[in-house]
Every structure is written in structure tokens, then in C-alpha cells.
Amino acid sequence: MVMGKGIFITLEGIDFSGKSTQARYLVNFLKRNNVQHLFLREPGGTVLSERIRRILLSKGEIDICAKSELWLYLAARSQIVEEKIAPALKQGKIVVCDRFYDSTTAYQSYGRGLDLDFVLKANLFAADNLKPDLTLLFDLPEKKAFERKQRLNRTKDRLENEKLAFFRKIRKGYLHLAENNKRRIKVINADGPKEKVRDEMLEITVSFLKRHRIRIRM
């Protein structure tokens, strides 16, 4: 059981990095250890945020300029922080979120070319200055991600349909963020068997939780 202030863990990575699969592993791990937690995804998690998600991840039938895209992500984030994340943290829960504002920095600034300083400030404003305690970045070479994309037998959403060059910019952005936030962002090599990736993720997470006096077993 988590007591007092909760802990906010986010998972990040370019599309097809395996991030969402690893998020499910992490949540199941917390369940097995009877740890109070809340699992969310971004954008999404509330009625408003899920509706925004449907617009953002449309199959390409809606034209969305870079600035509009940014505002939509920020609106969805403001709602989920206010409605779900902040209350859960006050209850002392571990909140696990599949993407948070590092995604916006990587995609909308590095990917779309919007001003980095502005995006960073807008992220904090939308999140009411809430920052993740731990961010797990699943790093995969963009060419490997693109190969996974090509093998995936389903309709791709608007972002998944982007070109290889876009993936490259986003990965560069993530790695730059990790270099400048070494205490918070832990880079995990996602180019390997998912079990190996899972084990590295759990090792990092368990070590982090132990430092916060939350003892759980591997």
C-alpha cells in the first residue's frame, strides 16, 4: 500500500516502440504486489480527453495544423490532470500514464517544429506544474519502428502514418530530453525481446520505488 503523496510514473517512446505493451506489464506487476495504482493513457482518460483523442488520432480525414494539434493535446492533458491524476496522487496512489508532456515536446516541438521554449512552458501550464517522478523512455531506432509499422496488419492512425523522417525527429527529441533530465528519464533499449525490455523496466521501477520506501518484490 502507498501512503501519503503518490508517485507519478510515465512511459514514453516513439510509435511502435512497444511502450504500451510494457505499460500493461507494469500495471499487472503492481496489481500482483497489491499496490494502489491508477493506469491512464494520453490523450484520454476522461470523457473530454477521449473525445479529443478521437480527433487527434483520426485516420487522416481531418486536417489539423501543428498549432491546433498542440492546443488539443494541452486541453486533453489539463482535463486528465484535474480530473484523474492530481486526485489519485493526493490519495497516495501510484499513477502510471502511457504518455504525458514529454510526448508533446517530442512530437509537437521536435517533430512539428514549434518553438521548444514555448511548448515546455505550455506543458507545465496545462499540467498545473505537475511533473512525473519517473519517466521510462523506450528507445527504438526509427528504422526498426518503421519496420514494425509496416508489418502491422491494421489501419494506422494519423500519427502512425507519418513518414520515417518524422519518427527520426521525434526520437532525436526524446533522447535530447533524456540527456537533459537524467535523474527523471531512464532510457530503456526497446530493440530486443519484450521480456528483456520488461525485466529492465521492472528493475528500474523497483529500485526507484525502494528509494521511496515502497518495497515490492520482483
C-alpha atoms as a PDB file:
ATOM      1  CA  MET A   1       0.000   0.000   0.000  1.00  0.00           C
ATOM      2  CA  VAL A   2       1.226   3.510  -0.852  1.00  0.00           C
ATOM      3  CA  MET A   3       0.838   6.081   1.895  1.00  0.00           C
ATOM      4  CA  GLY A   4       0.946   9.873   1.711  1.00  0.00           C
ATOM      5  CA  LYS A   5       1.931  11.582  -1.522  1.00  0.00           C
ATOM      6  CA  GLY A   6       1.582   9.349  -4.523  1.00  0.00           C
ATOM      7  CA  ILE A   7       4.139   8.678  -7.241  1.00  0.00           C
ATOM      8  CA  PHE A   8       3.715   9.627 -10.874  1.00  0.00           C
ATOM      9  CA  ILE A   9       5.320   7.308 -13.446  1.00  0.00           C
ATOM     10  CA  THR A  10       5.113   7.992 -17.182  1.00  0.00           C
ATOM     11  CA  LEU A  11       6.079   5.846 -20.156  1.00  0.00           C
ATOM     12  CA  GLU A  12       7.342   7.398 -23.374  1.00  0.00           C
ATOM     13  CA  GLY A  13       8.648   6.396 -26.779  1.00  0.00           C
ATOM     14  CA  ILE A  14       8.086   6.779 -30.495  1.00  0.00           C
ATOM     15  CA  ASP A  15       5.203   4.914 -32.088  1.00  0.00           C
ATOM     16  CA  PHE A  16       5.797   1.137 -32.328  1.00  0.00           C
ATOM     17  CA  SER A  17       8.455   1.170 -29.603  1.00  0.00           C
ATOM     18  CA  GLY A  18       6.431  -1.348 -27.574  1.00  0.00           C
ATOM     19  CA  LYS A  19       5.700   1.230 -24.882  1.00  0.00           C
ATOM     20  CA  SER A  20       2.026   0.368 -24.432  1.00  0.00           C
ATOM     21  CA  THR A  21       2.785  -3.348 -24.115  1.00  0.00           C
ATOM     22  CA  GLN A  22       5.309  -2.557 -21.402  1.00  0.00           C
ATOM     23  CA  ALA A  23       2.795  -0.300 -19.649  1.00  0.00           C
ATOM     24  CA  ARG A  24       0.447  -3.270 -19.318  1.00  0.00           C
ATOM     25  CA  TYR A  25       3.279  -5.380 -17.903  1.00  0.00           C
ATOM     26  CA  LEU A  26       3.997  -2.705 -15.324  1.00  0.00           C
ATOM     27  CA  VAL A  27       0.363  -2.359 -14.286  1.00  0.00           C
ATOM     28  CA  ASN A  28      -0.028  -6.122 -13.906  1.00  0.00           C
ATOM     29  CA  PHE A  29       3.143  -6.153 -11.792  1.00  0.00           C
ATOM     30  CA  LEU A  30       1.690  -3.522  -9.460  1.00  0.00           C
ATOM     31  CA  LYS A  31      -1.564  -5.491  -9.231  1.00  0.00           C
ATOM     32  CA  ARG A  32       0.276  -8.667  -8.231  1.00  0.00           C
ATOM     33  CA  ASN A  33       2.003  -6.732  -5.473  1.00  0.00           C
ATOM     34  CA  ASN A  34      -1.282  -5.225  -4.221  1.00  0.00           C
ATOM     35  CA  VAL A  35      -0.046  -1.689  -4.829  1.00  0.00           C
ATOM     36  CA  GLN A  36      -2.699   1.008  -5.052  1.00  0.00           C
ATOM     37  CA  HIS A  37      -2.431   2.456  -8.524  1.00  0.00           C
ATOM     38  CA  LEU A  38      -4.230   4.140 -11.390  1.00  0.00           C
ATOM     39  CA  PHE A  39      -3.451   3.438 -15.039  1.00  0.00           C
ATOM     40  CA  LEU A  40      -4.186   6.103 -17.647  1.00  0.00           C
ATOM     41  CA  ARG A  41      -3.314   6.933 -21.226  1.00  0.00           C
ATOM     42  CA  GLU A  42      -2.697  10.209 -23.005  1.00  0.00           C
ATOM     43  CA  PRO A  43      -4.536  11.687 -24.674  1.00  0.00           C
ATOM     44  CA  GLY A  44      -7.564  10.179 -22.977  1.00  0.00           C
ATOM     45  CA  GLY A  45      -8.683   9.068 -19.556  1.00  0.00           C
ATOM     46  CA  THR A  46     -11.700  11.386 -19.230  1.00  0.00           C
ATOM     47  CA  VAL A  47     -14.824  11.927 -21.334  1.00  0.00           C
ATOM     48  CA  LEU A  48     -13.457  15.160 -22.794  1.00  0.00           C
ATOM     49  CA  SER A  49      -9.939  13.818 -23.285  1.00  0.00           C
ATOM     50  CA  GLU A  50     -11.181  10.686 -25.059  1.00  0.00           C
ATOM     51  CA  ARG A  51     -13.202  12.807 -27.481  1.00  0.00           C
ATOM     52  CA  ILE A  52     -10.112  14.895 -28.198  1.00  0.00           C
ATOM     53  CA  ARG A  53      -8.170  11.668 -28.683  1.00  0.00           C
ATOM     54  CA  ARG A  54     -10.571  10.566 -31.409  1.00  0.00           C
ATOM     55  CA  ILE A  55      -9.938  13.823 -33.264  1.00  0.00           C
ATOM     56  CA  LEU A  56      -6.159  13.693 -32.868  1.00  0.00           C
ATOM     57  CA  LEU A  57      -5.829  10.043 -33.865  1.00  0.00           C
ATOM     58  CA  SER A  58      -8.302  10.140 -36.736  1.00  0.00           C
ATOM     59  CA  LYS A  59      -7.313   8.191 -39.824  1.00  0.00           C
ATOM     60  CA  GLY A  60      -6.362  11.372 -41.636  1.00  0.00           C
ATOM     61  CA  GLU A  61      -9.789  12.644 -42.649  1.00  0.00           C
ATOM     62  CA  ILE A  62      -9.355  15.780 -40.532  1.00  0.00           C
ATOM     63  CA  ASP A  63      -6.676  18.347 -41.361  1.00  0.00           C
ATOM     64  CA  ILE A  64      -5.039  19.571 -38.151  1.00  0.00           C
ATOM     65  CA  CYS A  65      -2.309  22.202 -38.259  1.00  0.00           C
ATOM     66  CA  ALA A  66       0.615  21.987 -35.837  1.00  0.00           C
ATOM     67  CA  LYS A  67      -0.647  24.745 -33.520  1.00  0.00           C
ATOM     68  CA  SER A  68      -4.154  23.306 -33.333  1.00  0.00           C
ATOM     69  CA  GLU A  69      -2.655  19.891 -32.627  1.00  0.00           C
ATOM     70  CA  LEU A  70      -0.689  21.354 -29.721  1.00  0.00           C
ATOM     71  CA  TRP A  71      -3.734  23.041 -28.173  1.00  0.00           C
ATOM     72  CA  LEU A  72      -5.765  19.848 -28.421  1.00  0.00           C
ATOM     73  CA  TYR A  73      -3.124  17.830 -26.588  1.00  0.00           C
ATOM     74  CA  LEU A  74      -2.819  20.516 -23.920  1.00  0.00           C
ATOM     75  CA  ALA A  75      -6.596  20.635 -23.424  1.00  0.00           C
ATOM     76  CA  ALA A  76      -6.790  16.871 -23.022  1.00  0.00           C
ATOM     77  CA  ARG A  77      -3.910  16.984 -20.522  1.00  0.00           C
ATOM     78  CA  SER A  78      -5.419  19.758 -18.429  1.00  0.00           C
ATOM     79  CA  GLN A  79      -8.582  17.742 -18.025  1.00  0.00           C
ATOM     80  CA  ILE A  80      -6.910  14.453 -17.076  1.00  0.00           C
ATOM     81  CA  VAL A  81      -4.618  16.158 -14.553  1.00  0.00           C
ATOM     82  CA  GLU A  82      -7.527  17.990 -12.915  1.00  0.00           C
ATOM     83  CA  GLU A  83      -9.986  15.110 -13.004  1.00  0.00           C
ATOM     84  CA  LYS A  84      -7.851  11.993 -12.540  1.00  0.00           C
ATOM     85  CA  ILE A  85      -4.117  12.358 -11.910  1.00  0.00           C
ATOM     86  CA  ALA A  86      -3.997  15.014  -9.184  1.00  0.00           C
ATOM     87  CA  PRO A  87      -6.753  13.393  -7.053  1.00  0.00           C
ATOM     88  CA  ALA A  88      -5.117   9.952  -7.314  1.00  0.00           C
ATOM     89  CA  LEU A  89      -1.743  11.334  -6.237  1.00  0.00           C
ATOM     90  CA  LYS A  90      -3.367  13.063  -3.259  1.00  0.00           C
ATOM     91  CA  GLN A  91      -4.802   9.666  -2.290  1.00  0.00           C
ATOM     92  CA  GLY A  92      -1.265   8.268  -2.259  1.00  0.00           C
ATOM     93  CA  LYS A  93      -1.621   6.086  -5.346  1.00  0.00           C
ATOM     94  CA  ILE A  94       0.995   5.267  -7.938  1.00  0.00           C
ATOM     95  CA  VAL A  95      -0.231   6.787 -11.187  1.00  0.00           C
ATOM     96  CA  VAL A  96       1.061   5.117 -14.351  1.00  0.00           C
ATOM     97  CA  CYS A  97       0.423   7.108 -17.525  1.00  0.00           C
ATOM     98  CA  ASP A  98       1.054   5.906 -21.068  1.00  0.00           C
ATOM     99  CA  ARG A  99       2.493   9.205 -22.416  1.00  0.00           C
ATOM    100  CA  PHE A 100       2.492  12.650 -20.812  1.00  0.00           C
ATOM    101  CA  TYR A 101       4.013  16.003 -21.679  1.00  0.00           C
ATOM    102  CA  ASP A 102       7.337  14.642 -22.935  1.00  0.00           C
ATOM    103  CA  SER A 103       5.339  13.291 -25.879  1.00  0.00           C
ATOM    104  CA  THR A 104       4.106  16.791 -26.649  1.00  0.00           C
ATOM    105  CA  THR A 105       7.647  18.169 -26.516  1.00  0.00           C
ATOM    106  CA  ALA A 106       8.989  15.407 -28.750  1.00  0.00           C
ATOM    107  CA  TYR A 107       6.146  15.372 -31.264  1.00  0.00           C
ATOM    108  CA  GLN A 108       4.972  18.974 -31.439  1.00  0.00           C
ATOM    109  CA  SER A 109       8.316  20.730 -30.911  1.00  0.00           C
ATOM    110  CA  TYR A 110      10.968  18.406 -32.341  1.00  0.00           C
ATOM    111  CA  GLY A 111       8.577  16.733 -34.767  1.00  0.00           C
ATOM    112  CA  ARG A 112       6.412  19.634 -35.936  1.00  0.00           C
ATOM    113  CA  GLY A 113       8.949  22.389 -35.362  1.00  0.00           C
ATOM    114  CA  LEU A 114       7.042  24.504 -32.826  1.00  0.00           C
ATOM    115  CA  ASP A 115       9.113  26.694 -30.514  1.00  0.00           C
ATOM    116  CA  LEU A 116      10.685  24.495 -27.841  1.00  0.00           C
ATOM    117  CA  ASP A 117      10.660  27.039 -25.034  1.00  0.00           C
ATOM    118  CA  PHE A 118       7.006  27.847 -25.635  1.00  0.00           C
ATOM    119  CA  VAL A 119       5.998  24.180 -25.718  1.00  0.00           C
ATOM    120  CA  LEU A 120       7.865  23.465 -22.468  1.00  0.00           C
ATOM    121  CA  LYS A 121       6.101  26.350 -20.718  1.00  0.00           C
ATOM    122  CA  ALA A 122       2.730  25.405 -22.172  1.00  0.00           C
ATOM    123  CA  ASN A 123       3.216  21.816 -20.977  1.00  0.00           C
ATOM    124  CA  LEU A 124       3.728  22.950 -17.388  1.00  0.00           C
ATOM    125  CA  PHE A 125       0.789  25.334 -17.560  1.00  0.00           C
ATOM    126  CA  ALA A 126      -1.544  22.631 -18.875  1.00  0.00           C
ATOM    127  CA  ALA A 127      -0.326  20.154 -16.247  1.00  0.00           C
ATOM    128  CA  ASP A 128      -0.692  22.711 -13.433  1.00  0.00           C
ATOM    129  CA  ASN A 129       3.094  22.387 -12.891  1.00  0.00           C
ATOM    130  CA  LEU A 130       2.767  18.653 -12.208  1.00  0.00           C
ATOM    131  CA  LYS A 131       5.937  16.770 -13.181  1.00  0.00           C
ATOM    132  CA  PRO A 132       6.473  13.000 -13.400  1.00  0.00           C
ATOM    133  CA  ASP A 133       8.605  11.457 -10.672  1.00  0.00           C
ATOM    134  CA  LEU A 134       9.946   8.807 -13.044  1.00  0.00           C
ATOM    135  CA  THR A 135       9.797   8.566 -16.823  1.00  0.00           C
ATOM    136  CA  LEU A 136      10.612   5.329 -18.634  1.00  0.00           C
ATOM    137  CA  LEU A 137      11.716   6.066 -22.198  1.00  0.00           C
ATOM    138  CA  PHE A 138      11.607   3.078 -24.532  1.00  0.00           C
ATOM    139  CA  ASP A 139      14.188   3.878 -27.172  1.00  0.00           C
ATOM    140  CA  LEU A 140      13.961   2.173 -30.553  1.00  0.00           C
ATOM    141  CA  PRO A 141      15.820   3.171 -33.739  1.00  0.00           C
ATOM    142  CA  GLU A 142      13.343   4.841 -36.043  1.00  0.00           C
ATOM    143  CA  LYS A 143      14.033   2.382 -38.864  1.00  0.00           C
ATOM    144  CA  LYS A 144      13.139  -0.528 -36.577  1.00  0.00           C
ATOM    145  CA  ALA A 145       9.954   1.293 -35.561  1.00  0.00           C
ATOM    146  CA  PHE A 146       9.100   1.844 -39.210  1.00  0.00           C
ATOM    147  CA  GLU A 147       9.667  -1.855 -39.942  1.00  0.00           C
ATOM    148  CA  ARG A 148       7.272  -2.786 -37.125  1.00  0.00           C
ATOM    149  CA  LYS A 149       4.776  -0.328 -38.555  1.00  0.00           C
ATOM    150  CA  GLN A 150       4.983  -1.947 -41.997  1.00  0.00           C
ATOM    151  CA  ARG A 151       4.359  -5.399 -40.504  1.00  0.00           C
ATOM    152  CA  LEU A 152       1.328  -4.285 -38.523  1.00  0.00           C
ATOM    153  CA  ASN A 153      -1.810  -5.530 -40.237  1.00  0.00           C
ATOM    154  CA  ARG A 154      -4.286  -2.831 -39.252  1.00  0.00           C
ATOM    155  CA  THR A 155      -5.303   0.671 -40.293  1.00  0.00           C
ATOM    156  CA  LYS A 156      -2.814   3.225 -38.994  1.00  0.00           C
ATOM    157  CA  ASP A 157      -3.931   6.385 -37.229  1.00  0.00           C
ATOM    158  CA  ARG A 158      -2.983   9.917 -38.301  1.00  0.00           C
ATOM    159  CA  LEU A 159       0.333   9.988 -36.436  1.00  0.00           C
ATOM    160  CA  GLU A 160       1.298   6.407 -37.201  1.00  0.00           C
ATOM    161  CA  ASN A 161       1.010   7.265 -40.898  1.00  0.00           C
ATOM    162  CA  GLU A 162       3.798   9.839 -40.676  1.00  0.00           C
ATOM    163  CA  LYS A 163       6.993   9.390 -42.685  1.00  0.00           C
ATOM    164  CA  LEU A 164      10.278   7.944 -41.428  1.00  0.00           C
ATOM    165  CA  ALA A 165      11.797  11.438 -41.168  1.00  0.00           C
ATOM    166  CA  PHE A 166       9.133  12.388 -38.629  1.00  0.00           C
ATOM    167  CA  PHE A 167       9.967   9.343 -36.492  1.00  0.00           C
ATOM    168  CA  ARG A 168      13.637  10.316 -36.678  1.00  0.00           C
ATOM    169  CA  LYS A 169      12.970  13.842 -35.397  1.00  0.00           C
ATOM    170  CA  ILE A 170      10.863  12.548 -32.528  1.00  0.00           C
ATOM    171  CA  ARG A 171      13.450  10.023 -31.413  1.00  0.00           C
ATOM    172  CA  LYS A 172      16.120  12.724 -31.500  1.00  0.00           C
ATOM    173  CA  GLY A 173      13.872  14.893 -29.373  1.00  0.00           C
ATOM    174  CA  TYR A 174      13.292  12.179 -26.804  1.00  0.00           C
ATOM    175  CA  LEU A 175      16.998  11.456 -26.488  1.00  0.00           C
ATOM    176  CA  HIS A 176      17.734  15.148 -26.088  1.00  0.00           C
ATOM    177  CA  LEU A 177      15.146  15.357 -23.302  1.00  0.00           C
ATOM    178  CA  ALA A 178      16.673  12.309 -21.619  1.00  0.00           C
ATOM    179  CA  GLU A 179      20.145  13.822 -21.767  1.00  0.00           C
ATOM    180  CA  ASN A 180      18.874  16.952 -20.034  1.00  0.00           C
ATOM    181  CA  ASN A 181      16.731  15.147 -17.458  1.00  0.00           C
ATOM    182  CA  LYS A 182      18.901  12.210 -16.400  1.00  0.00           C
ATOM    183  CA  ARG A 183      17.514  11.959 -12.881  1.00  0.00           C
ATOM    184  CA  ARG A 184      13.923  11.626 -14.095  1.00  0.00           C
ATOM    185  CA  ILE A 185      14.120   9.992 -17.521  1.00  0.00           C
ATOM    186  CA  LYS A 186      15.571   6.489 -17.707  1.00  0.00           C
ATOM    187  CA  VAL A 187      16.308   5.214 -21.217  1.00  0.00           C
ATOM    188  CA  ILE A 188      15.479   1.566 -21.894  1.00  0.00           C
ATOM    189  CA  ASN A 189      16.695  -0.228 -25.007  1.00  0.00           C
ATOM    190  CA  ALA A 190      13.467  -1.345 -26.698  1.00  0.00           C
ATOM    191  CA  ASP A 191      15.248  -3.144 -29.550  1.00  0.00           C
ATOM    192  CA  GLY A 192      15.107  -6.666 -28.159  1.00  0.00           C
ATOM    193  CA  PRO A 193      12.789  -9.374 -26.854  1.00  0.00           C
ATOM    194  CA  LYS A 194       9.884  -7.820 -24.988  1.00  0.00           C
ATOM    195  CA  GLU A 195      10.648  -9.988 -21.950  1.00  0.00           C
ATOM    196  CA  LYS A 196      14.143  -8.499 -21.703  1.00  0.00           C
ATOM    197  CA  VAL A 197      12.717  -4.989 -22.081  1.00  0.00           C
ATOM    198  CA  ARG A 198      10.158  -5.805 -19.380  1.00  0.00           C
ATOM    199  CA  ASP A 199      12.818  -7.023 -16.963  1.00  0.00           C
ATOM    200  CA  GLU A 200      14.892  -3.864 -17.389  1.00  0.00           C
ATOM    201  CA  MET A 201      11.802  -1.719 -16.868  1.00  0.00           C
ATOM    202  CA  LEU A 202      10.826  -3.562 -13.695  1.00  0.00           C
ATOM    203  CA  GLU A 203      14.364  -3.420 -12.317  1.00  0.00           C
ATOM    204  CA  ILE A 204      14.455   0.363 -12.766  1.00  0.00           C
ATOM    205  CA  THR A 205      10.971   0.800 -11.321  1.00  0.00           C
ATOM    206  CA  VAL A 206      11.508  -1.424  -8.283  1.00  0.00           C
ATOM    207  CA  SER A 207      14.784   0.327  -7.493  1.00  0.00           C
ATOM    208  CA  PHE A 208      13.063   3.704  -7.759  1.00  0.00           C
ATOM    209  CA  LEU A 209      10.175   2.649  -5.526  1.00  0.00           C
ATOM    210  CA  LYS A 210      12.534   1.259  -2.909  1.00  0.00           C
ATOM    211  CA  ARG A 211      14.196   4.654  -2.681  1.00  0.00           C
ATOM    212  CA  HIS A 212      10.741   5.994  -1.863  1.00  0.00           C
ATOM    213  CA  ARG A 213      10.236   3.337   0.828  1.00  0.00           C
ATOM    214  CA  ILE A 214       7.858   1.259  -1.242  1.00  0.00           C
ATOM    215  CA  ARG A 215       9.129  -2.312  -1.113  1.00  0.00           C
ATOM    216  CA  ILE A 216       7.768  -4.711  -3.683  1.00  0.00           C
ATOM    217  CA  ARG A 217       9.131  -7.986  -4.936  1.00  0.00           C
ATOM    218  CA  MET A 218      10.302  -8.783  -8.447  1.00  0.00           C
END
